[in-house]
Amino acid sequence: MKHHWRERADLILIERSARELVDFVTDLWERGPATICLVRPGCGNGGLDWKDVRPVLAPLLDDRFMVVERP
């Protein structure tokens, strides 16, 4: 996540957004199971390395989430 698309991604915003996403998916989960796919947040145009982002997201995202790498 970024404040502006040209800026480097912000790990604090990524973590905050992941927490909000988990809360949102928890509400959806009550209506039926779902899998949410994410393309390595903050990586790519965000300029961050997955090795730095993964430790921030790992404790937050459970088996309802799948993080994929762009082909």
Protein backbone atom coordinates (compact mmCIF):
# COMPACT_ATOMS: atom_id res chain seq x y z
CA MET A 1 0.00 0.00 0.00
CA LYS A 2 1.11 3.52 -0.71
CA HIS A 3 0.01 7.05 -0.02
CA HIS A 4 0.57 7.85 -3.70
CA TRP A 5 1.09 5.37 -6.55
CA ARG A 6 4.54 6.76 -7.39
CA GLU A 7 5.88 6.32 -3.86
CA ARG A 8 7.54 3.25 -2.42
CA ALA A 9 5.11 1.01 -0.52
CA ASP A 10 4.78 1.53 3.23
CA LEU A 11 5.01 -1.59 5.45
CA ILE A 12 2.89 0.08 8.13
CA LEU A 13 0.09 0.68 5.60
CA ILE A 14 0.42 -2.89 4.34
CA GLU A 15 0.05 -4.25 7.87
CA ARG A 16 -2.92 -1.97 8.65
CA SER A 17 -4.62 -2.92 5.38
CA ALA A 18 -4.04 -6.62 6.03
CA ARG A 19 -5.65 -6.32 9.48
CA GLU A 20 -8.67 -4.56 7.93
CA LEU A 21 -8.87 -7.23 5.22
CA VAL A 22 -8.84 -10.02 7.82
CA ASP A 23 -11.72 -8.33 9.67
CA PHE A 24 -13.66 -7.90 6.42
CA VAL A 25 -13.10 -11.52 5.36
CA THR A 26 -14.15 -12.73 8.82
CA ASP A 27 -17.52 -11.06 8.28
CA LEU A 28 -17.80 -12.59 4.79
CA TRP A 29 -16.77 -16.02 6.05
CA GLU A 30 -20.00 -16.21 8.05
CA ARG A 31 -21.89 -16.23 4.72
CA GLY A 32 -19.76 -19.04 3.32
CA PRO A 33 -16.13 -20.04 2.88
CA ALA A 34 -13.98 -18.04 0.50
CA THR A 35 -10.35 -17.84 -0.50
CA ILE A 36 -8.83 -14.42 -1.01
CA CYS A 37 -5.86 -14.19 -3.37
CA LEU A 38 -3.32 -11.41 -2.96
CA VAL A 39 -0.48 -10.57 -5.32
CA ARG A 40 2.48 -9.96 -2.97
CA PRO A 41 1.36 -6.62 -1.50
CA GLY A 42 3.96 -3.87 -1.70
CA CYS A 43 6.13 -5.79 -4.12
CA GLY A 44 6.41 -4.99 -7.80
CA ASN A 45 5.42 -1.35 -8.32
CA GLY A 46 5.63 -0.84 -4.54
CA GLY A 47 9.35 -1.48 -4.68
CA LEU A 48 9.54 -3.70 -1.60
CA ASP A 49 11.12 -7.16 -1.42
CA TRP A 50 8.88 -10.09 -0.50
CA LYS A 51 11.45 -11.13 2.13
CA ASP A 52 10.63 -7.89 3.99
CA VAL A 53 6.85 -7.97 3.51
CA ARG A 54 6.22 -11.66 4.26
CA PRO A 55 7.18 -11.49 7.98
CA VAL A 56 4.70 -8.63 8.46
CA LEU A 57 1.82 -10.51 6.83
CA ALA A 58 2.53 -14.08 7.98
CA PRO A 59 1.09 -13.67 11.50
CA LEU A 60 -2.05 -11.97 10.13
CA LEU A 61 -3.09 -14.06 7.13
CA ASP A 62 -4.49 -17.53 7.76
CA ASP A 63 -5.56 -20.33 5.40
CA ARG A 64 -8.35 -18.16 3.93
CA PHE A 65 -5.66 -16.17 2.11
CA MET A 66 -3.35 -17.16 -0.72
CA VAL A 67 -0.44 -14.92 -1.65
CA VAL A 68 0.68 -15.44 -5.23
CA GLU A 69 3.53 -14.17 -7.35
CA ARG A 70 2.79 -12.47 -10.63
CA PRO A 71 3.71 -14.68 -13.58
